[in-house]
């Protein structure tokens, strides 16, 4: 075999095939009975092949959001960022500026307008990108996003958001200083390479993503209730 092709095959085997094989087997062997405690409740970690949830914050984001959604399953709700449809067949409105998919409204969250008022709006690891991962960068755009979403809540409605701390330093600062306020705030911290999480009383706003472990090290969960 030509040495060049042998080298290419070797690189593919060691950098693509083997890691994929190991990830697939970890997915199969993941203990589906493992649980974590959130607000006194035992919730199952979420194991799914898409986005390798067993190795990042999705493992707790999905069960926390789904648990909060239980009381609103019969209501029309809005999701900012196309996340849940990758895991479940749920008939709900989804706004995502970039991802093309059936039923997804491709609009900027600050421009989205509808005559509907939702009892529930959820966003899973999406709003930290608004204004931050865009050109030109505009960190304060996030205030427009929150204001617009609050306008679309029905009286008594609830807005639930998860944000990985350490990705958007400006947003972390807004949360830490109270410039963005929530009715309820929760924090969970990853404590092991096997992706175990515990609830903590306050956030560590100087954390960095992908430092000790892959993905978020501390996850913020905010709940805003429209009085």
C-alpha atoms as a PDB file:
ATOM      1  CA  UNK A   1       0.000   0.000   0.000  1.00  0.00           C
ATOM      2  CA  UNK A   2       1.210   3.473  -0.843  1.00  0.00           C
ATOM      3  CA  UNK A   3       2.617   5.054   2.346  1.00  0.00           C
ATOM      4  CA  UNK A   4       0.563   8.230   1.873  1.00  0.00           C
ATOM      5  CA  UNK A   5      -2.710   6.286   1.743  1.00  0.00           C
ATOM      6  CA  UNK A   6      -1.635   4.137   4.671  1.00  0.00           C
ATOM      7  CA  UNK A   7      -1.005   7.280   6.706  1.00  0.00           C
ATOM      8  CA  UNK A   8      -4.405   8.758   5.739  1.00  0.00           C
ATOM      9  CA  UNK A   9      -6.166   5.517   6.680  1.00  0.00           C
ATOM     10  CA  UNK A  10      -4.326   5.396   9.988  1.00  0.00           C
ATOM     11  CA  UNK A  11      -5.280   8.992  10.779  1.00  0.00           C
ATOM     12  CA  UNK A  12      -8.935   8.317   9.953  1.00  0.00           C
ATOM     13  CA  UNK A  13      -8.937   5.179  12.096  1.00  0.00           C
ATOM     14  CA  UNK A  14      -7.412   6.892  15.137  1.00  0.00           C
ATOM     15  CA  UNK A  15      -9.163  10.269  14.928  1.00  0.00           C
ATOM     16  CA  UNK A  16     -12.603   9.416  13.533  1.00  0.00           C
ATOM     17  CA  UNK A  17     -13.553   5.758  13.649  1.00  0.00           C
ATOM     18  CA  UNK A  18     -12.200   4.786  17.073  1.00  0.00           C
ATOM     19  CA  UNK A  19     -13.581   7.853  18.930  1.00  0.00           C
ATOM     20  CA  UNK A  20     -16.962   7.315  17.211  1.00  0.00           C
ATOM     21  CA  UNK A  21     -16.922   3.641  18.155  1.00  0.00           C
ATOM     22  CA  UNK A  22     -16.095   4.464  21.753  1.00  0.00           C
ATOM     23  CA  UNK A  23     -18.774   7.166  21.922  1.00  0.00           C
ATOM     24  CA  UNK A  24     -21.369   4.757  20.510  1.00  0.00           C
ATOM     25  CA  UNK A  25     -20.494   2.074  23.031  1.00  0.00           C
ATOM     26  CA  UNK A  26     -20.544   4.568  25.899  1.00  0.00           C
ATOM     27  CA  UNK A  27     -24.018   5.566  24.735  1.00  0.00           C
ATOM     28  CA  UNK A  28     -25.107   1.905  24.791  1.00  0.00           C
ATOM     29  CA  UNK A  29     -23.516   1.230  28.178  1.00  0.00           C
ATOM     30  CA  UNK A  30     -24.674   4.469  29.836  1.00  0.00           C
ATOM     31  CA  UNK A  31     -26.547   3.588  33.012  1.00  0.00           C
ATOM     32  CA  UNK A  32     -30.053   4.789  32.207  1.00  0.00           C
ATOM     33  CA  UNK A  33     -31.080   4.399  35.854  1.00  0.00           C
ATOM     34  CA  UNK A  34     -28.632   7.082  37.070  1.00  0.00           C
ATOM     35  CA  UNK A  35     -30.325  10.055  38.657  1.00  0.00           C
ATOM     36  CA  UNK A  36     -29.492  13.521  39.931  1.00  0.00           C
ATOM     37  CA  UNK A  37     -31.319  15.717  42.428  1.00  0.00           C
ATOM     38  CA  UNK A  38     -32.903  18.980  41.353  1.00  0.00           C
ATOM     39  CA  UNK A  39     -35.022  20.886  43.855  1.00  0.00           C
ATOM     40  CA  UNK A  40     -35.507  17.782  45.964  1.00  0.00           C
ATOM     41  CA  UNK A  41     -36.604  15.596  43.050  1.00  0.00           C
ATOM     42  CA  UNK A  42     -34.749  12.633  41.593  1.00  0.00           C
ATOM     43  CA  UNK A  43     -34.537  13.041  37.819  1.00  0.00           C
ATOM     44  CA  UNK A  44     -33.010  10.608  35.364  1.00  0.00           C
ATOM     45  CA  UNK A  45     -29.987  11.738  33.400  1.00  0.00           C
ATOM     46  CA  UNK A  46     -30.887  12.004  29.715  1.00  0.00           C
ATOM     47  CA  UNK A  47     -29.005   9.645  27.429  1.00  0.00           C
ATOM     48  CA  UNK A  48     -29.351  10.147  23.682  1.00  0.00           C
ATOM     49  CA  UNK A  49     -27.032   9.639  20.730  1.00  0.00           C
ATOM     50  CA  UNK A  50     -27.796  13.047  19.211  1.00  0.00           C
ATOM     51  CA  UNK A  51     -25.289  15.658  20.399  1.00  0.00           C
ATOM     52  CA  UNK A  52     -23.763  12.999  22.699  1.00  0.00           C
ATOM     53  CA  UNK A  53     -25.891  14.103  25.639  1.00  0.00           C
ATOM     54  CA  UNK A  54     -24.090  11.723  28.022  1.00  0.00           C
ATOM     55  CA  UNK A  55     -20.973  13.885  27.800  1.00  0.00           C
ATOM     56  CA  UNK A  56     -22.310  17.433  28.222  1.00  0.00           C
ATOM     57  CA  UNK A  57     -24.942  19.588  29.919  1.00  0.00           C
ATOM     58  CA  UNK A  58     -27.783  18.226  27.757  1.00  0.00           C
ATOM     59  CA  UNK A  59     -27.806  15.272  30.138  1.00  0.00           C
ATOM     60  CA  UNK A  60     -29.500  17.466  32.777  1.00  0.00           C
ATOM     61  CA  UNK A  61     -31.024  20.267  30.680  1.00  0.00           C
ATOM     62  CA  UNK A  62     -33.531  18.014  28.930  1.00  0.00           C
ATOM     63  CA  UNK A  63     -34.947  16.298  32.062  1.00  0.00           C
ATOM     64  CA  UNK A  64     -35.142  19.602  33.977  1.00  0.00           C
ATOM     65  CA  UNK A  65     -36.995  21.362  31.157  1.00  0.00           C
ATOM     66  CA  UNK A  66     -39.282  18.373  30.539  1.00  0.00           C
ATOM     67  CA  UNK A  67     -40.108  18.169  34.235  1.00  0.00           C
ATOM     68  CA  UNK A  68     -41.046  21.861  34.251  1.00  0.00           C
ATOM     69  CA  UNK A  69     -43.154  21.357  31.109  1.00  0.00           C
ATOM     70  CA  UNK A  70     -45.387  18.668  32.626  1.00  0.00           C
ATOM     71  CA  UNK A  71     -48.083  21.136  33.685  1.00  0.00           C
ATOM     72  CA  UNK A  72     -48.185  22.715  30.228  1.00  0.00           C
ATOM     73  CA  UNK A  73     -48.352  19.686  27.955  1.00  0.00           C
ATOM     74  CA  UNK A  74     -51.877  20.561  26.816  1.00  0.00           C
ATOM     75  CA  UNK A  75     -50.964  24.170  26.049  1.00  0.00           C
ATOM     76  CA  UNK A  76     -49.319  25.642  22.991  1.00  0.00           C
ATOM     77  CA  UNK A  77     -45.797  26.652  23.930  1.00  0.00           C
ATOM     78  CA  UNK A  78     -42.835  28.320  22.279  1.00  0.00           C
ATOM     79  CA  UNK A  79     -39.234  27.139  22.101  1.00  0.00           C
ATOM     80  CA  UNK A  80     -36.356  29.469  21.267  1.00  0.00           C
ATOM     81  CA  UNK A  81     -33.654  27.394  19.594  1.00  0.00           C
ATOM     82  CA  UNK A  82     -34.491  24.131  17.847  1.00  0.00           C
ATOM     83  CA  UNK A  83     -33.499  21.599  20.509  1.00  0.00           C
ATOM     84  CA  UNK A  84     -36.412  19.477  21.770  1.00  0.00           C
ATOM     85  CA  UNK A  85     -37.545  18.304  18.279  1.00  0.00           C
ATOM     86  CA  UNK A  86     -34.225  16.447  17.952  1.00  0.00           C
ATOM     87  CA  UNK A  87     -35.290  14.220  20.846  1.00  0.00           C
ATOM     88  CA  UNK A  88     -39.105  14.144  20.944  1.00  0.00           C
ATOM     89  CA  UNK A  89     -42.132  14.465  18.693  1.00  0.00           C
ATOM     90  CA  UNK A  90     -43.741  17.539  20.216  1.00  0.00           C
ATOM     91  CA  UNK A  91     -46.144  19.825  18.397  1.00  0.00           C
ATOM     92  CA  UNK A  92     -45.038  23.300  19.424  1.00  0.00           C
ATOM     93  CA  UNK A  93     -43.785  26.543  17.920  1.00  0.00           C
ATOM     94  CA  UNK A  94     -40.018  26.821  17.418  1.00  0.00           C
ATOM     95  CA  UNK A  95     -38.014  29.930  16.549  1.00  0.00           C
ATOM     96  CA  UNK A  96     -34.442  29.418  15.380  1.00  0.00           C
ATOM     97  CA  UNK A  97     -32.563  32.031  13.379  1.00  0.00           C
ATOM     98  CA  UNK A  98     -30.279  29.594  11.574  1.00  0.00           C
ATOM     99  CA  UNK A  99     -31.412  25.962  11.685  1.00  0.00           C
ATOM    100  CA  UNK A 100     -33.548  24.910   8.732  1.00  0.00           C
ATOM    101  CA  UNK A 101     -36.168  22.282   9.572  1.00  0.00           C
ATOM    102  CA  UNK A 102     -39.848  21.592   9.029  1.00  0.00           C
ATOM    103  CA  UNK A 103     -41.991  23.812  11.213  1.00  0.00           C
ATOM    104  CA  UNK A 104     -39.094  25.970  12.416  1.00  0.00           C
ATOM    105  CA  UNK A 105     -39.602  29.724  12.147  1.00  0.00           C
ATOM    106  CA  UNK A 106     -36.313  31.194  10.892  1.00  0.00           C
ATOM    107  CA  UNK A 107     -36.377  34.596  12.558  1.00  0.00           C
ATOM    108  CA  UNK A 108     -34.145  36.492  14.931  1.00  0.00           C
ATOM    109  CA  UNK A 109     -35.506  36.249  18.460  1.00  0.00           C
ATOM    110  CA  UNK A 110     -35.558  40.044  18.751  1.00  0.00           C
ATOM    111  CA  UNK A 111     -37.683  40.374  15.583  1.00  0.00           C
ATOM    112  CA  UNK A 112     -40.133  37.532  16.243  1.00  0.00           C
ATOM    113  CA  UNK A 113     -43.753  38.684  16.370  1.00  0.00           C
ATOM    114  CA  UNK A 114     -46.993  36.740  16.721  1.00  0.00           C
ATOM    115  CA  UNK A 115     -50.542  37.328  17.899  1.00  0.00           C
ATOM    116  CA  UNK A 116     -50.202  34.371  20.287  1.00  0.00           C
ATOM    117  CA  UNK A 117     -49.565  34.628  24.001  1.00  0.00           C
ATOM    118  CA  UNK A 118     -47.843  31.582  25.447  1.00  0.00           C
ATOM    119  CA  UNK A 119     -48.254  30.047  28.885  1.00  0.00           C
ATOM    120  CA  UNK A 120     -44.767  28.616  28.509  1.00  0.00           C
ATOM    121  CA  UNK A 121     -41.639  29.680  26.630  1.00  0.00           C
ATOM    122  CA  UNK A 122     -38.475  27.571  26.918  1.00  0.00           C
ATOM    123  CA  UNK A 123     -34.939  28.024  25.655  1.00  0.00           C
ATOM    124  CA  UNK A 124     -32.180  25.439  26.043  1.00  0.00           C
ATOM    125  CA  UNK A 125     -28.576  26.684  25.751  1.00  0.00           C
ATOM    126  CA  UNK A 126     -29.437  29.176  23.034  1.00  0.00           C
ATOM    127  CA  UNK A 127     -29.715  32.714  24.384  1.00  0.00           C
ATOM    128  CA  UNK A 128     -26.032  32.875  25.342  1.00  0.00           C
ATOM    129  CA  UNK A 129     -25.305  33.111  21.598  1.00  0.00           C
ATOM    130  CA  UNK A 130     -27.591  36.110  20.962  1.00  0.00           C
ATOM    131  CA  UNK A 131     -25.494  39.162  20.151  1.00  0.00           C
ATOM    132  CA  UNK A 132     -22.343  37.362  21.310  1.00  0.00           C
ATOM    133  CA  UNK A 133     -21.683  34.905  18.484  1.00  0.00           C
ATOM    134  CA  UNK A 134     -22.876  37.344  15.849  1.00  0.00           C
ATOM    135  CA  UNK A 135     -21.085  39.927  13.758  1.00  0.00           C
ATOM    136  CA  UNK A 136     -20.824  42.658  14.744  1.00  0.00           C
ATOM    137  CA  UNK A 137     -20.826  41.563  18.376  1.00  0.00           C
ATOM    138  CA  UNK A 138     -23.533  43.300  20.427  1.00  0.00           C
ATOM    139  CA  UNK A 139     -23.668  41.930  24.019  1.00  0.00           C
ATOM    140  CA  UNK A 140     -26.627  44.140  24.976  1.00  0.00           C
ATOM    141  CA  UNK A 141     -28.818  42.614  22.271  1.00  0.00           C
ATOM    142  CA  UNK A 142     -29.761  40.006  24.867  1.00  0.00           C
ATOM    143  CA  UNK A 143     -31.879  42.629  26.673  1.00  0.00           C
ATOM    144  CA  UNK A 144     -33.970  43.068  23.514  1.00  0.00           C
ATOM    145  CA  UNK A 145     -34.406  39.308  23.308  1.00  0.00           C
ATOM    146  CA  UNK A 146     -35.636  38.967  26.892  1.00  0.00           C
ATOM    147  CA  UNK A 147     -37.972  41.946  26.570  1.00  0.00           C
ATOM    148  CA  UNK A 148     -39.497  40.574  23.373  1.00  0.00           C
ATOM    149  CA  UNK A 149     -40.074  37.123  24.841  1.00  0.00           C
ATOM    150  CA  UNK A 150     -41.686  38.510  27.990  1.00  0.00           C
ATOM    151  CA  UNK A 151     -44.156  40.416  25.779  1.00  0.00           C
ATOM    152  CA  UNK A 152     -45.306  37.098  24.312  1.00  0.00           C
ATOM    153  CA  UNK A 153     -46.106  35.516  27.679  1.00  0.00           C
ATOM    154  CA  UNK A 154     -49.744  35.114  28.683  1.00  0.00           C
ATOM    155  CA  UNK A 155     -50.743  36.400  32.137  1.00  0.00           C
ATOM    156  CA  UNK A 156     -49.344  33.909  34.628  1.00  0.00           C
ATOM    157  CA  UNK A 157     -47.099  32.510  31.916  1.00  0.00           C
ATOM    158  CA  UNK A 158     -43.608  31.206  32.528  1.00  0.00           C
ATOM    159  CA  UNK A 159     -40.316  31.613  30.686  1.00  0.00           C
ATOM    160  CA  UNK A 160     -37.662  28.957  31.435  1.00  0.00           C
ATOM    161  CA  UNK A 161     -34.106  29.249  30.155  1.00  0.00           C
ATOM    162  CA  UNK A 162     -30.885  27.264  30.581  1.00  0.00           C
ATOM    163  CA  UNK A 163     -27.558  29.026  30.112  1.00  0.00           C
ATOM    164  CA  UNK A 164     -24.093  27.433  30.327  1.00  0.00           C
ATOM    165  CA  UNK A 165     -21.969  29.859  32.312  1.00  0.00           C
ATOM    166  CA  UNK A 166     -18.560  30.632  30.859  1.00  0.00           C
ATOM    167  CA  UNK A 167     -19.556  30.995  27.224  1.00  0.00           C
ATOM    168  CA  UNK A 168     -20.772  34.598  27.189  1.00  0.00           C
ATOM    169  CA  UNK A 169     -18.917  36.679  29.793  1.00  0.00           C
ATOM    170  CA  UNK A 170     -21.189  39.696  29.277  1.00  0.00           C
ATOM    171  CA  UNK A 171     -24.338  37.654  29.904  1.00  0.00           C
ATOM    172  CA  UNK A 172     -22.699  36.031  32.936  1.00  0.00           C
ATOM    173  CA  UNK A 173     -22.086  39.526  34.301  1.00  0.00           C
ATOM    174  CA  UNK A 174     -25.677  40.603  33.642  1.00  0.00           C
ATOM    175  CA  UNK A 175     -26.931  37.572  35.568  1.00  0.00           C
ATOM    176  CA  UNK A 176     -24.456  37.995  38.425  1.00  0.00           C
ATOM    177  CA  UNK A 177     -25.243  41.698  38.903  1.00  0.00           C
ATOM    178  CA  UNK A 178     -29.003  41.283  38.499  1.00  0.00           C
ATOM    179  CA  UNK A 179     -29.300  43.319  35.293  1.00  0.00           C
ATOM    180  CA  UNK A 180     -31.285  40.364  33.973  1.00  0.00           C
ATOM    181  CA  UNK A 181     -33.698  39.261  36.662  1.00  0.00           C
ATOM    182  CA  UNK A 182     -35.553  35.985  37.083  1.00  0.00           C
ATOM    183  CA  UNK A 183     -38.272  34.991  39.525  1.00  0.00           C
ATOM    184  CA  UNK A 184     -36.288  31.853  40.352  1.00  0.00           C
ATOM    185  CA  UNK A 185     -32.613  31.055  39.737  1.00  0.00           C
ATOM    186  CA  UNK A 186     -30.895  27.686  40.031  1.00  0.00           C
ATOM    187  CA  UNK A 187     -27.354  26.424  39.449  1.00  0.00           C
ATOM    188  CA  UNK A 188     -25.923  22.976  38.817  1.00  0.00           C
ATOM    189  CA  UNK A 189     -22.252  22.046  38.696  1.00  0.00           C
ATOM    190  CA  UNK A 190     -20.549  19.203  36.877  1.00  0.00           C
ATOM    191  CA  UNK A 191     -18.350  17.253  39.299  1.00  0.00           C
ATOM    192  CA  UNK A 192     -16.936  14.311  37.347  1.00  0.00           C
ATOM    193  CA  UNK A 193     -15.691  13.130  33.973  1.00  0.00           C
ATOM    194  CA  UNK A 194     -18.540  10.599  33.996  1.00  0.00           C
ATOM    195  CA  UNK A 195     -20.864  13.640  33.831  1.00  0.00           C
ATOM    196  CA  UNK A 196     -22.364  13.741  37.307  1.00  0.00           C
ATOM    197  CA  UNK A 197     -24.009  16.996  38.384  1.00  0.00           C
ATOM    198  CA  UNK A 198     -25.049  18.472  41.702  1.00  0.00           C
ATOM    199  CA  UNK A 199     -27.224  21.463  42.512  1.00  0.00           C
ATOM    200  CA  UNK A 200     -25.357  24.338  44.156  1.00  0.00           C
ATOM    201  CA  UNK A 201     -26.622  27.482  45.860  1.00  0.00           C
ATOM    202  CA  UNK A 202     -24.983  30.051  43.615  1.00  0.00           C
ATOM    203  CA  UNK A 203     -23.127  30.248  40.345  1.00  0.00           C
ATOM    204  CA  UNK A 204     -19.421  30.458  39.764  1.00  0.00           C
ATOM    205  CA  UNK A 205     -19.317  33.272  37.262  1.00  0.00           C
ATOM    206  CA  UNK A 206     -15.600  32.993  36.596  1.00  0.00           C
ATOM    207  CA  UNK A 207     -15.882  29.484  35.136  1.00  0.00           C
ATOM    208  CA  UNK A 208     -14.898  28.635  31.580  1.00  0.00           C
ATOM    209  CA  UNK A 209     -16.573  26.110  29.322  1.00  0.00           C
ATOM    210  CA  UNK A 210     -14.468  23.082  28.336  1.00  0.00           C
ATOM    211  CA  UNK A 211     -12.037  23.590  31.215  1.00  0.00           C
ATOM    212  CA  UNK A 212     -12.140  20.623  33.613  1.00  0.00           C
ATOM    213  CA  UNK A 213     -14.683  18.687  31.546  1.00  0.00           C
ATOM    214  CA  UNK A 214     -16.276  18.946  28.081  1.00  0.00           C
ATOM    215  CA  UNK A 215     -18.970  21.593  27.702  1.00  0.00           C
ATOM    216  CA  UNK A 216     -20.391  23.608  30.564  1.00  0.00           C
ATOM    217  CA  UNK A 217     -18.975  23.346  34.069  1.00  0.00           C
ATOM    218  CA  UNK A 218     -21.865  25.267  35.676  1.00  0.00           C
ATOM    219  CA  UNK A 219     -25.389  25.493  34.294  1.00  0.00           C
ATOM    220  CA  UNK A 220     -27.781  28.338  35.116  1.00  0.00           C
ATOM    221  CA  UNK A 221     -31.531  27.738  35.054  1.00  0.00           C
ATOM    222  CA  UNK A 222     -33.721  30.822  35.161  1.00  0.00           C
ATOM    223  CA  UNK A 223     -37.490  30.962  35.576  1.00  0.00           C
ATOM    224  CA  UNK A 224     -39.429  34.157  34.938  1.00  0.00           C
ATOM    225  CA  UNK A 225     -43.115  34.214  35.880  1.00  0.00           C
ATOM    226  CA  UNK A 226     -45.326  36.918  34.457  1.00  0.00           C
ATOM    227  CA  UNK A 227     -47.362  38.313  37.304  1.00  0.00           C
END
